[in-house]
Amino acid sequence: FPEVDVWLWGADNALCESLHWSHDAPIRDWLRARGFEFDVDGKPRQPKEAIQLICRAQKLARSSALYERITSRISLQNCTDPAFARLRGQLSAWFGV
């Protein structure tokens, strides 16, 4: 789901902790230096590719366990992405969450 890739960018502190970010530059600045562009909400225009590059830099496998570790630290309530809001609504309808 591309919505999950967007969700990962909801909180820098959760992202940094989960990815064991070791660079001096903040993640978004590091990505900008590598040509990534961001939308008005600070989300990379290519969120999947951004995570892939970060994982390579940190020598981490991009896995469901990594996604779980990151997303378990980010509130669903704060995500304003319209596509993610639709996904959250659908999941709520299906599972009553």
C-alpha atoms as a PDB file:
ATOM      1  CA  PHE A   1       0.000   0.000   0.000  1.00  0.00           C
ATOM      2  CA  PRO A   2       1.500   3.374  -0.948  1.00  0.00           C
ATOM      3  CA  GLU A   3      -0.487   4.908   1.917  1.00  0.00           C
ATOM      4  CA  VAL A   4       1.701   3.042   4.399  1.00  0.00           C
ATOM      5  CA  ASP A   5       4.829   4.518   2.812  1.00  0.00           C
ATOM      6  CA  VAL A   6       3.302   7.975   3.389  1.00  0.00           C
ATOM      7  CA  TRP A   7       2.338   7.101   6.985  1.00  0.00           C
ATOM      8  CA  LEU A   8       5.984   6.413   7.854  1.00  0.00           C
ATOM      9  CA  TRP A   9       6.738  10.104   7.467  1.00  0.00           C
ATOM     10  CA  GLY A  10       4.336  11.127  10.240  1.00  0.00           C
ATOM     11  CA  ALA A  11       6.963  11.607  12.934  1.00  0.00           C
ATOM     12  CA  ASP A  12      10.688  12.146  12.476  1.00  0.00           C
ATOM     13  CA  ASN A  13      11.568  10.969  15.970  1.00  0.00           C
ATOM     14  CA  ALA A  14       9.855   7.593  15.437  1.00  0.00           C
ATOM     15  CA  LEU A  15      11.511   7.251  12.047  1.00  0.00           C
ATOM     16  CA  CYS A  16      14.981   8.113  13.392  1.00  0.00           C
ATOM     17  CA  GLU A  17      14.690   5.771  16.368  1.00  0.00           C
ATOM     18  CA  SER A  18      13.349   2.879  14.320  1.00  0.00           C
ATOM     19  CA  LEU A  19      15.944   3.282  11.583  1.00  0.00           C
ATOM     20  CA  HIS A  20      18.813   3.876  14.038  1.00  0.00           C
ATOM     21  CA  TRP A  21      19.578   7.068  12.106  1.00  0.00           C
ATOM     22  CA  SER A  22      23.312   7.711  12.482  1.00  0.00           C
ATOM     23  CA  HIS A  23      23.931  10.691  10.193  1.00  0.00           C
ATOM     24  CA  ASP A  24      24.457  14.230  11.460  1.00  0.00           C
ATOM     25  CA  ALA A  25      21.890  15.720   9.089  1.00  0.00           C
ATOM     26  CA  PRO A  26      18.177  15.247   9.795  1.00  0.00           C
ATOM     27  CA  ILE A  27      16.573  12.616   7.547  1.00  0.00           C
ATOM     28  CA  ARG A  28      14.670  15.096   5.387  1.00  0.00           C
ATOM     29  CA  ASP A  29      17.772  17.279   4.850  1.00  0.00           C
ATOM     30  CA  TRP A  30      19.793  14.172   4.009  1.00  0.00           C
ATOM     31  CA  LEU A  31      17.196  13.173   1.419  1.00  0.00           C
ATOM     32  CA  ARG A  32      17.004  16.710  -0.041  1.00  0.00           C
ATOM     33  CA  ALA A  33      20.772  16.590  -0.552  1.00  0.00           C
ATOM     34  CA  ARG A  34      20.173  13.458  -2.614  1.00  0.00           C
ATOM     35  CA  GLY A  35      17.576  15.072  -4.861  1.00  0.00           C
ATOM     36  CA  PHE A  36      14.330  14.191  -3.089  1.00  0.00           C
ATOM     37  CA  GLU A  37      11.499  16.701  -3.154  1.00  0.00           C
ATOM     38  CA  PHE A  38       8.868  17.117  -0.456  1.00  0.00           C
ATOM     39  CA  ASP A  39       5.225  18.167  -0.490  1.00  0.00           C
ATOM     40  CA  VAL A  40       3.777  20.950   1.673  1.00  0.00           C
ATOM     41  CA  ASP A  41       3.279  18.475   4.542  1.00  0.00           C
ATOM     42  CA  GLY A  42       6.952  17.497   4.526  1.00  0.00           C
ATOM     43  CA  LYS A  43       6.366  14.070   2.990  1.00  0.00           C
ATOM     44  CA  PRO A  44       8.739  12.920   0.242  1.00  0.00           C
ATOM     45  CA  ARG A  45       7.101  12.900  -3.182  1.00  0.00           C
ATOM     46  CA  GLN A  46       8.586   9.411  -3.566  1.00  0.00           C
ATOM     47  CA  PRO A  47       8.120   7.956  -0.057  1.00  0.00           C
ATOM     48  CA  LYS A  48       8.871   4.333  -0.967  1.00  0.00           C
ATOM     49  CA  GLU A  49      12.096   5.242  -2.736  1.00  0.00           C
ATOM     50  CA  ALA A  50      13.106   7.492   0.177  1.00  0.00           C
ATOM     51  CA  ILE A  51      12.701   4.644   2.666  1.00  0.00           C
ATOM     52  CA  GLN A  52      14.591   2.288   0.351  1.00  0.00           C
ATOM     53  CA  LEU A  53      17.526   4.703   0.146  1.00  0.00           C
ATOM     54  CA  ILE A  54      17.559   5.236   3.910  1.00  0.00           C
ATOM     55  CA  CYS A  55      17.467   1.492   4.535  1.00  0.00           C
ATOM     56  CA  ARG A  56      20.428   0.991   2.200  1.00  0.00           C
ATOM     57  CA  ALA A  57      22.350   3.784   3.944  1.00  0.00           C
ATOM     58  CA  GLN A  58      21.602   2.255   7.346  1.00  0.00           C
ATOM     59  CA  LYS A  59      22.208  -1.314   6.105  1.00  0.00           C
ATOM     60  CA  LEU A  60      18.688  -2.350   7.108  1.00  0.00           C
ATOM     61  CA  ALA A  61      16.364  -4.720   5.289  1.00  0.00           C
ATOM     62  CA  ARG A  62      13.104  -3.094   4.220  1.00  0.00           C
ATOM     63  CA  SER A  63      10.769  -5.582   5.852  1.00  0.00           C
ATOM     64  CA  SER A  64       7.338  -5.822   7.415  1.00  0.00           C
ATOM     65  CA  ALA A  65       9.062  -5.931  10.821  1.00  0.00           C
ATOM     66  CA  LEU A  66      10.705  -2.579  10.104  1.00  0.00           C
ATOM     67  CA  TYR A  67       7.391  -1.064   9.017  1.00  0.00           C
ATOM     68  CA  GLU A  68       5.748  -2.429  12.157  1.00  0.00           C
ATOM     69  CA  ARG A  69       8.478  -0.973  14.351  1.00  0.00           C
ATOM     70  CA  ILE A  70       8.061   2.480  12.777  1.00  0.00           C
ATOM     71  CA  THR A  71       4.275   2.570  12.557  1.00  0.00           C
ATOM     72  CA  SER A  72       3.780   1.323  16.110  1.00  0.00           C
ATOM     73  CA  ARG A  73       5.297   4.639  17.233  1.00  0.00           C
ATOM     74  CA  ILE A  74       3.206   6.933  15.008  1.00  0.00           C
ATOM     75  CA  SER A  75      -0.347   7.998  15.769  1.00  0.00           C
ATOM     76  CA  LEU A  76      -2.930   7.311  13.094  1.00  0.00           C
ATOM     77  CA  GLN A  77      -4.941  10.303  14.228  1.00  0.00           C
ATOM     78  CA  ASN A  78      -2.357  12.840  13.069  1.00  0.00           C
ATOM     79  CA  CYS A  79      -2.078  11.641   9.475  1.00  0.00           C
ATOM     80  CA  THR A  80      -3.800  14.088   7.126  1.00  0.00           C
ATOM     81  CA  ASP A  81      -3.015  12.392   3.818  1.00  0.00           C
ATOM     82  CA  PRO A  82      -6.365  11.935   1.981  1.00  0.00           C
ATOM     83  CA  ALA A  83      -5.455   8.503   0.577  1.00  0.00           C
ATOM     84  CA  PHE A  84      -4.427   7.308   4.011  1.00  0.00           C
ATOM     85  CA  ALA A  85      -7.608   8.715   5.553  1.00  0.00           C
ATOM     86  CA  ARG A  86      -9.605   6.631   3.052  1.00  0.00           C
ATOM     87  CA  LEU A  87      -7.562   3.530   3.912  1.00  0.00           C
ATOM     88  CA  ARG A  88      -8.030   4.160   7.644  1.00  0.00           C
ATOM     89  CA  GLY A  89     -11.785   4.585   7.105  1.00  0.00           C
ATOM     90  CA  GLN A  90     -12.002   1.365   5.119  1.00  0.00           C
ATOM     91  CA  LEU A  91     -10.016  -0.597   7.704  1.00  0.00           C
ATOM     92  CA  SER A  92     -12.241   0.815  10.423  1.00  0.00           C
ATOM     93  CA  ALA A  93     -15.330  -0.260   8.497  1.00  0.00           C
ATOM     94  CA  TRP A  94     -13.957  -3.752   7.940  1.00  0.00           C
ATOM     95  CA  PHE A  95     -12.462  -4.385  11.359  1.00  0.00           C
ATOM     96  CA  GLY A  96     -14.194  -1.901  13.645  1.00  0.00           C
ATOM     97  CA  VAL A  97     -10.942  -0.350  14.783  1.00  0.00           C
END
